[in-house]
């Protein structure tokens, strides 16, 4: 019996509130990217749930938003340092 060719199911990254806090701080993606030292494409992927950022990227984004590591859980639920 031939094996069926299944495409792997794409899993979505854990939900985050990056866009919510970026908009609340009146920052464009480009402005946050500049402040955090990451690319606009990375921010787009995170906001659209297409990638789960590494801890170092999360730290940069939190700092770019002017937030503390203590507030990281607000943006990235299940944030682990």
N, C-alpha and C. Protein backbone atom coordinates (compact mmCIF):
# COMPACT_ATOMS: atom_id res chain seq x y z
N UNK A 1 0.85 -1.18 0.00
CA UNK A 1 0.00 0.00 0.00
C UNK A 1 0.90 1.25 0.00
N UNK A 2 0.73 2.17 -0.96
CA UNK A 2 1.58 3.36 -1.00
C UNK A 2 1.25 4.32 0.14
N UNK A 3 2.30 4.97 0.59
CA UNK A 3 2.11 5.96 1.66
C UNK A 3 1.52 7.23 1.06
N UNK A 4 0.63 7.83 1.80
CA UNK A 4 0.05 9.09 1.33
C UNK A 4 1.03 10.22 1.63
N UNK A 5 1.08 11.14 0.72
CA UNK A 5 1.96 12.29 0.91
C UNK A 5 1.17 13.37 1.62
N UNK A 6 1.53 13.58 2.84
CA UNK A 6 0.87 14.62 3.63
C UNK A 6 1.84 15.78 3.80
N UNK A 7 1.30 16.94 3.65
CA UNK A 7 2.13 18.10 3.94
C UNK A 7 2.06 18.33 5.44
N UNK A 8 3.19 18.68 6.04
CA UNK A 8 3.16 18.91 7.48
C UNK A 8 2.22 20.06 7.83
N UNK A 9 1.51 19.87 8.91
CA UNK A 9 0.58 20.89 9.38
C UNK A 9 1.39 22.05 9.97
N UNK A 10 1.09 23.25 9.50
CA UNK A 10 1.79 24.42 10.02
C UNK A 10 1.17 24.79 11.36
N UNK A 11 2.02 24.95 12.33
CA UNK A 11 1.53 25.34 13.65
C UNK A 11 1.75 26.84 13.81
N UNK A 12 0.79 27.47 14.40
CA UNK A 12 0.89 28.89 14.65
C UNK A 12 1.70 29.14 15.91
N UNK A 13 2.39 30.24 15.91
CA UNK A 13 3.16 30.63 17.09
C UNK A 13 2.19 30.98 18.22
N UNK A 14 2.64 30.90 19.46
CA UNK A 14 1.77 31.27 20.58
C UNK A 14 1.29 32.71 20.43
N UNK A 15 0.08 32.98 20.86
CA UNK A 15 -0.44 34.34 20.73
C UNK A 15 0.41 35.35 21.51
N UNK A 16 0.45 36.55 20.97
CA UNK A 16 1.17 37.62 21.66
C UNK A 16 0.39 38.91 21.47
N UNK A 17 0.78 39.92 22.20
CA UNK A 17 0.07 41.20 22.13
C UNK A 17 0.99 42.31 21.65
N UNK A 18 1.97 41.93 20.82
CA UNK A 18 2.95 42.91 20.35
C UNK A 18 2.27 44.06 19.60
N UNK A 19 1.39 43.73 18.68
CA UNK A 19 0.73 44.79 17.91
C UNK A 19 -0.08 45.71 18.82
N UNK A 20 -0.78 45.13 19.76
CA UNK A 20 -1.60 45.92 20.70
C UNK A 20 -0.73 46.98 21.39
N UNK A 21 0.39 46.55 21.96
CA UNK A 21 1.24 47.49 22.70
C UNK A 21 2.00 48.43 21.77
N UNK A 22 2.35 47.98 20.57
CA UNK A 22 3.01 48.85 19.60
C UNK A 22 2.08 50.00 19.21
N UNK A 23 0.83 49.66 18.90
CA UNK A 23 -0.16 50.68 18.52
C UNK A 23 -0.46 51.59 19.71
N UNK A 24 -0.57 51.01 20.88
CA UNK A 24 -0.83 51.80 22.09
C UNK A 24 0.27 52.84 22.33
N UNK A 25 1.51 52.47 21.99
CA UNK A 25 2.65 53.39 22.17
C UNK A 25 2.82 54.32 20.96
N UNK A 26 1.88 54.24 20.00
CA UNK A 26 1.88 55.06 18.79
C UNK A 26 3.15 54.87 17.97
N UNK A 27 3.59 53.62 17.86
CA UNK A 27 4.78 53.29 17.09
C UNK A 27 4.40 52.55 15.82
N UNK A 28 5.03 52.90 14.72
CA UNK A 28 4.87 52.13 13.50
C UNK A 28 5.78 50.91 13.61
N UNK A 29 5.60 49.96 12.72
CA UNK A 29 6.49 48.80 12.71
C UNK A 29 7.93 49.25 12.48
N UNK A 30 8.11 50.21 11.58
CA UNK A 30 9.46 50.70 11.27
C UNK A 30 10.10 51.36 12.49
N UNK A 31 9.31 52.14 13.23
CA UNK A 31 9.85 52.81 14.42
C UNK A 31 10.25 51.79 15.49
N UNK A 32 9.39 50.79 15.71
CA UNK A 32 9.73 49.76 16.70
C UNK A 32 10.94 48.96 16.23
N UNK A 33 11.00 48.64 14.96
CA UNK A 33 12.14 47.90 14.42
C UNK A 33 13.43 48.66 14.66
N UNK A 34 13.40 49.96 14.43
CA UNK A 34 14.57 50.81 14.64
C UNK A 34 14.96 50.85 16.12
N UNK A 35 13.99 51.04 17.00
CA UNK A 35 14.27 51.12 18.44
C UNK A 35 14.78 49.79 18.99
N UNK A 36 14.23 48.68 18.47
CA UNK A 36 14.56 47.36 19.01
C UNK A 36 15.77 46.73 18.31
N UNK A 37 16.13 47.26 17.15
CA UNK A 37 17.25 46.67 16.42
C UNK A 37 16.90 45.35 15.75
N UNK A 38 15.67 45.24 15.29
CA UNK A 38 15.23 44.05 14.54
C UNK A 38 14.63 44.53 13.23
N UNK A 39 14.37 43.61 12.32
CA UNK A 39 13.81 44.00 11.03
C UNK A 39 12.29 44.15 11.12
N UNK A 40 11.76 44.92 10.18
CA UNK A 40 10.31 45.08 10.10
C UNK A 40 9.66 43.72 9.80
N UNK A 41 10.33 42.93 8.97
CA UNK A 41 9.79 41.61 8.61
C UNK A 41 9.62 40.72 9.84
N UNK A 42 10.55 40.80 10.77
CA UNK A 42 10.44 40.01 12.01
C UNK A 42 9.21 40.45 12.80
N UNK A 43 9.01 41.74 12.91
CA UNK A 43 7.85 42.25 13.64
C UNK A 43 6.56 41.80 12.96
N UNK A 44 6.51 41.88 11.65
CA UNK A 44 5.32 41.43 10.92
C UNK A 44 5.03 39.96 11.18
N UNK A 45 6.06 39.13 11.12
CA UNK A 45 5.87 37.69 11.35
C UNK A 45 5.38 37.41 12.77
N UNK A 46 5.92 38.13 13.74
CA UNK A 46 5.51 37.93 15.14
C UNK A 46 4.05 38.37 15.32
N UNK A 47 3.73 39.56 14.81
CA UNK A 47 2.37 40.08 14.95
C UNK A 47 1.33 39.20 14.25
N UNK A 48 1.73 38.57 13.17
CA UNK A 48 0.81 37.72 12.41
C UNK A 48 0.83 36.27 12.88
N UNK A 49 1.58 35.99 13.94
CA UNK A 49 1.60 34.64 14.51
C UNK A 49 2.32 33.63 13.66
N UNK A 50 3.22 34.08 12.79
CA UNK A 50 3.93 33.16 11.91
C UNK A 50 5.25 32.68 12.49
N UNK A 51 5.70 33.30 13.56
CA UNK A 51 6.94 32.87 14.19
C UNK A 51 6.88 33.15 15.68
N UNK A 52 7.57 32.32 16.42
CA UNK A 52 7.71 32.52 17.85
C UNK A 52 9.13 33.03 18.07
N UNK A 53 9.28 34.30 18.45
CA UNK A 53 10.61 34.88 18.54
C UNK A 53 11.46 34.25 19.65
N UNK A 54 12.75 34.30 19.42
CA UNK A 54 13.69 33.84 20.44
C UNK A 54 13.66 34.81 21.61
N UNK A 55 14.16 34.35 22.73
CA UNK A 55 14.13 35.18 23.95
C UNK A 55 14.89 36.48 23.75
N UNK A 56 16.01 36.44 23.02
CA UNK A 56 16.80 37.66 22.79
C UNK A 56 15.98 38.69 21.99
N UNK A 57 15.22 38.21 21.02
CA UNK A 57 14.37 39.10 20.22
C UNK A 57 13.25 39.67 21.08
N UNK A 58 12.68 38.84 21.93
CA UNK A 58 11.63 39.33 22.83
C UNK A 58 12.17 40.43 23.73
N UNK A 59 13.37 40.25 24.25
CA UNK A 59 13.98 41.28 25.11
C UNK A 59 14.15 42.59 24.36
N UNK A 60 14.62 42.50 23.11
CA UNK A 60 14.82 43.71 22.30
C UNK A 60 13.49 44.42 22.07
N UNK A 61 12.46 43.66 21.76
CA UNK A 61 11.15 44.26 21.49
C UNK A 61 10.56 44.90 22.75
N UNK A 62 10.72 44.24 23.87
CA UNK A 62 10.23 44.79 25.14
C UNK A 62 10.93 46.12 25.42
N UNK A 63 12.25 46.14 25.24
CA UNK A 63 13.01 47.38 25.45
C UNK A 63 12.58 48.44 24.43
N UNK A 64 12.37 48.04 23.19
CA UNK A 64 11.94 48.98 22.16
C UNK A 64 10.58 49.60 22.47
N UNK A 65 9.75 48.86 23.18
CA UNK A 65 8.44 49.38 23.59
C UNK A 65 8.54 50.24 24.85
N UNK A 66 9.74 50.32 25.42
CA UNK A 66 9.91 51.10 26.65
C UNK A 66 9.35 50.41 27.87
N UNK A 67 9.31 49.10 27.82
CA UNK A 67 8.77 48.31 28.93
C UNK A 67 9.92 47.60 29.63
N UNK A 68 9.62 47.10 30.81
CA UNK A 68 10.63 46.36 31.57
C UNK A 68 10.43 44.86 31.36
N UNK A 69 11.43 44.10 31.72
CA UNK A 69 11.33 42.64 31.62
C UNK A 69 10.18 42.14 32.49
N UNK A 70 9.92 42.83 33.60
CA UNK A 70 8.80 42.45 34.47
C UNK A 70 7.45 42.57 33.73
N UNK A 71 7.39 43.43 32.73
CA UNK A 71 6.15 43.62 31.97
C UNK A 71 6.09 42.72 30.73
N UNK A 72 7.12 41.95 30.49
CA UNK A 72 7.20 41.12 29.28
C UNK A 72 6.02 40.16 29.16
N UNK A 73 5.55 39.66 30.26
CA UNK A 73 4.42 38.71 30.25
C UNK A 73 3.16 39.34 29.65
N UNK A 74 3.04 40.65 29.72
CA UNK A 74 1.89 41.33 29.14
C UNK A 74 1.90 41.21 27.62
N UNK A 75 3.09 41.30 27.03
CA UNK A 75 3.23 41.27 25.58
C UNK A 75 3.32 39.84 25.07
N UNK A 76 4.14 39.05 25.75
CA UNK A 76 4.38 37.66 25.36
C UNK A 76 3.96 36.73 26.49
N UNK A 77 2.69 36.32 26.53
CA UNK A 77 2.28 35.36 27.56
C UNK A 77 3.19 34.14 27.54
N UNK A 78 3.45 33.60 28.67
CA UNK A 78 4.37 32.46 28.83
C UNK A 78 5.81 32.86 28.56
N UNK A 79 6.12 34.14 28.77
CA UNK A 79 7.49 34.64 28.60
C UNK A 79 8.38 33.97 29.64
N UNK A 80 9.46 33.43 29.19
CA UNK A 80 10.41 32.80 30.11
C UNK A 80 11.77 33.43 29.90
N UNK A 81 12.40 33.82 30.97
CA UNK A 81 13.72 34.43 30.90
C UNK A 81 14.75 33.49 31.45
